[in-house]
C-alpha atoms as a PDB file:
ATOM      1  CA  MET A   1    -162.305  62.187  94.362  1.00  0.00           C
ATOM      2  CA  LYS A   2    -164.677  61.252  91.511  1.00  0.00           C
ATOM      3  CA  VAL A   3    -165.953  64.834  91.320  1.00  0.00           C
ATOM      4  CA  LEU A   4    -162.404  66.194  91.158  1.00  0.00           C
ATOM      5  CA  ARG A   5    -161.486  63.720  88.409  1.00  0.00           C
ATOM      6  CA  ALA A   6    -164.641  64.650  86.462  1.00  0.00           C
ATOM      7  CA  ARG A   7    -163.857  68.369  86.712  1.00  0.00           C
ATOM      8  CA  ILE A   8    -160.263  67.851  85.568  1.00  0.00           C
ATOM      9  CA  TYR A   9    -161.479  65.764  82.639  1.00  0.00           C
ATOM     10  CA  GLN A  10    -164.074  68.411  81.719  1.00  0.00           C
ATOM     11  CA  LYS A  11    -161.373  71.116  81.857  1.00  0.00           C
ATOM     12  CA  HIS A  12    -159.207  69.009  79.548  1.00  0.00           C
ATOM     13  CA  LEU A  13    -162.104  68.601  77.074  1.00  0.00           C
ATOM     14  CA  ASP A  14    -162.826  72.340  77.138  1.00  0.00           C
ATOM     15  CA  ASP A  15    -159.168  73.131  76.431  1.00  0.00           C
ATOM     16  CA  GLU A  16    -159.136  70.700  73.491  1.00  0.00           C
ATOM     17  CA  ARG A  17    -162.337  72.217  72.065  1.00  0.00           C
ATOM     18  CA  ALA A  18    -160.899  75.717  72.352  1.00  0.00           C
ATOM     19  CA  LYS A  19    -157.691  74.653  70.601  1.00  0.00           C
ATOM     20  CA  ASN A  20    -159.663  72.978  67.796  1.00  0.00           C
ATOM     21  CA  ALA A  21    -161.876  76.054  67.419  1.00  0.00           C
ATOM     22  CA  VAL A  22    -158.807  78.238  66.833  1.00  0.00           C
ATOM     23  CA  ILE A  23    -157.584  75.840  64.139  1.00  0.00           C
ATOM     24  CA  GLU A  24    -161.001  75.712  62.455  1.00  0.00           C
ATOM     25  CA  ASP A  25    -161.326  79.510  62.469  1.00  0.00           C
ATOM     26  CA  SER A  26    -157.992  79.908  60.716  1.00  0.00           C
ATOM     27  CA  LYS A  27    -159.105  77.792  57.739  1.00  0.00           C
ATOM     28  CA  SER A  28    -160.370  79.529  54.633  1.00  0.00           C
ATOM     29  CA  ASP A  29    -163.726  78.793  53.053  1.00  0.00           C
ATOM     30  CA  ILE A  30    -164.096  76.089  50.469  1.00  0.00           C
ATOM     31  CA  ALA A  31    -165.808  78.282  47.924  1.00  0.00           C
ATOM     32  CA  TRP A  32    -165.493  79.661  44.424  1.00  0.00           C
ATOM     33  CA  GLY A  33    -162.309  81.693  44.111  1.00  0.00           C
ATOM     34  CA  HIS A  34    -160.433  79.876  46.873  1.00  0.00           C
ATOM     35  CA  GLN A  35    -158.924  77.153  44.706  1.00  0.00           C
ATOM     36  CA  ILE A  36    -155.193  76.528  44.463  1.00  0.00           C
ATOM     37  CA  ARG A  37    -155.124  75.785  40.726  1.00  0.00           C
ATOM     38  CA  SER A  38    -157.341  76.400  37.719  1.00  0.00           C
ATOM     39  CA  TYR A  39    -157.533  73.939  34.850  1.00  0.00           C
ATOM     40  CA  VAL A  40    -158.794  75.130  31.448  1.00  0.00           C
ATOM     41  CA  PHE A  41    -159.349  72.414  28.836  1.00  0.00           C
ATOM     42  CA  GLN A  42    -161.239  74.346  26.157  1.00  0.00           C
ATOM     43  CA  PRO A  43    -161.076  76.576  24.076  1.00  0.00           C
ATOM     44  CA  TYR A  44    -157.370  76.531  24.942  1.00  0.00           C
ATOM     45  CA  GLN A  45    -155.358  74.496  27.432  1.00  0.00           C
ATOM     46  CA  MET A  46    -153.819  76.044  30.535  1.00  0.00           C
ATOM     47  CA  VAL A  47    -153.120  75.242  34.175  1.00  0.00           C
ATOM     48  CA  LYS A  48    -152.510  78.156  36.543  1.00  0.00           C
ATOM     49  CA  ASP A  49    -151.374  77.953  40.157  1.00  0.00           C
ATOM     50  CA  HIS A  50    -152.956  80.917  41.970  1.00  0.00           C
ATOM     51  CA  ARG A  51    -150.507  80.821  44.903  1.00  0.00           C
ATOM     52  CA  THR A  52    -147.407  81.232  42.743  1.00  0.00           C
ATOM     53  CA  ASN A  53    -148.911  82.593  39.477  1.00  0.00           C
ATOM     54  CA  VAL A  54    -147.144  79.804  37.532  1.00  0.00           C
ATOM     55  CA  GLU A  55    -148.904  78.916  34.283  1.00  0.00           C
ATOM     56  CA  THR A  56    -148.352  76.094  31.805  1.00  0.00           C
ATOM     57  CA  SER A  57    -150.065  74.888  28.668  1.00  0.00           C
ATOM     58  CA  SER A  58    -148.844  71.300  29.202  1.00  0.00           C
ATOM     59  CA  ILE A  59    -152.135  70.204  30.697  1.00  0.00           C
ATOM     60  CA  ASP A  60    -151.603  66.547  29.753  1.00  0.00           C
ATOM     61  CA  LYS A  61    -148.373  66.389  31.757  1.00  0.00           C
ATOM     62  CA  VAL A  62    -150.022  68.024  34.768  1.00  0.00           C
ATOM     63  CA  MET A  63    -153.011  65.670  34.614  1.00  0.00           C
ATOM     64  CA  ASN A  64    -150.561  62.745  34.558  1.00  0.00           C
ATOM     65  CA  GLY A  65    -148.989  63.972  37.802  1.00  0.00           C
ATOM     66  CA  ASP A  66    -146.065  66.129  36.651  1.00  0.00           C
ATOM     67  CA  LEU A  67    -146.389  68.905  39.248  1.00  0.00           C
ATOM     68  CA  ASP A  68    -142.663  69.613  39.628  1.00  0.00           C
ATOM     69  CA  GLU A  69    -142.913  73.112  38.147  1.00  0.00           C
ATOM     70  CA  PHE A  70    -145.645  74.100  40.626  1.00  0.00           C
ATOM     71  CA  VAL A  71    -143.928  72.487  43.609  1.00  0.00           C
ATOM     72  CA  ARG A  72    -140.613  74.178  42.789  1.00  0.00           C
ATOM     73  CA  ALA A  73    -142.250  77.615  42.535  1.00  0.00           C
ATOM     74  CA  TYR A  74    -144.144  77.076  45.800  1.00  0.00           C
ATOM     75  CA  LEU A  75    -140.990  76.034  47.646  1.00  0.00           C
ATOM     76  CA  LEU A  76    -139.028  78.999  46.270  1.00  0.00           C
ATOM     77  CA  LEU A  77    -141.702  81.440  47.424  1.00  0.00           C
ATOM     78  CA  GLY A  78    -141.786  79.756  50.826  1.00  0.00           C
ATOM     79  CA  ALA A  79    -138.016  80.035  51.143  1.00  0.00           C
ATOM     80  CA  GLN A  80    -138.230  83.735  50.293  1.00  0.00           C
ATOM     81  CA  GLY A  81    -141.042  84.190  52.810  1.00  0.00           C
ATOM     82  CA  LYS A  82    -143.575  85.625  50.386  1.00  0.00           C
ATOM     83  CA  PHE A  83    -146.696  83.943  49.129  1.00  0.00           C
ATOM     84  CA  ALA A  84    -149.090  85.434  46.621  1.00  0.00           C
ATOM     85  CA  ARG A  85    -152.619  85.863  47.930  1.00  0.00           C
ATOM     86  CA  SER A  86    -154.681  84.078  45.339  1.00  0.00           C
ATOM     87  CA  ARG A  87    -157.276  86.506  44.041  1.00  0.00           C
ATOM     88  CA  ALA A  88    -157.480  88.710  47.109  1.00  0.00           C
ATOM     89  CA  ALA A  89    -154.257  90.530  46.228  1.00  0.00           C
ATOM     90  CA  GLY A  90    -155.421  90.756  42.623  1.00  0.00           C
END
């Protein structure tokens, strides 16, 4: 009975590892060019969301947490079923 229980437990662990591997493989790299937003402070001020291509020069408002413009654009694209590929779609 102990052997059977051990094999069932091992099968459960293997299934969990396989499921986690699929999730990990679907994630994109954390590397240059994979960011969601770009913040430019000098020589001019601009914040650009690469998913929605929304830009604003109100960098102070964004840095203080006013992300409504970006959230609204993201939700509208999601509702329409089309998301811009950051730099891959160019």
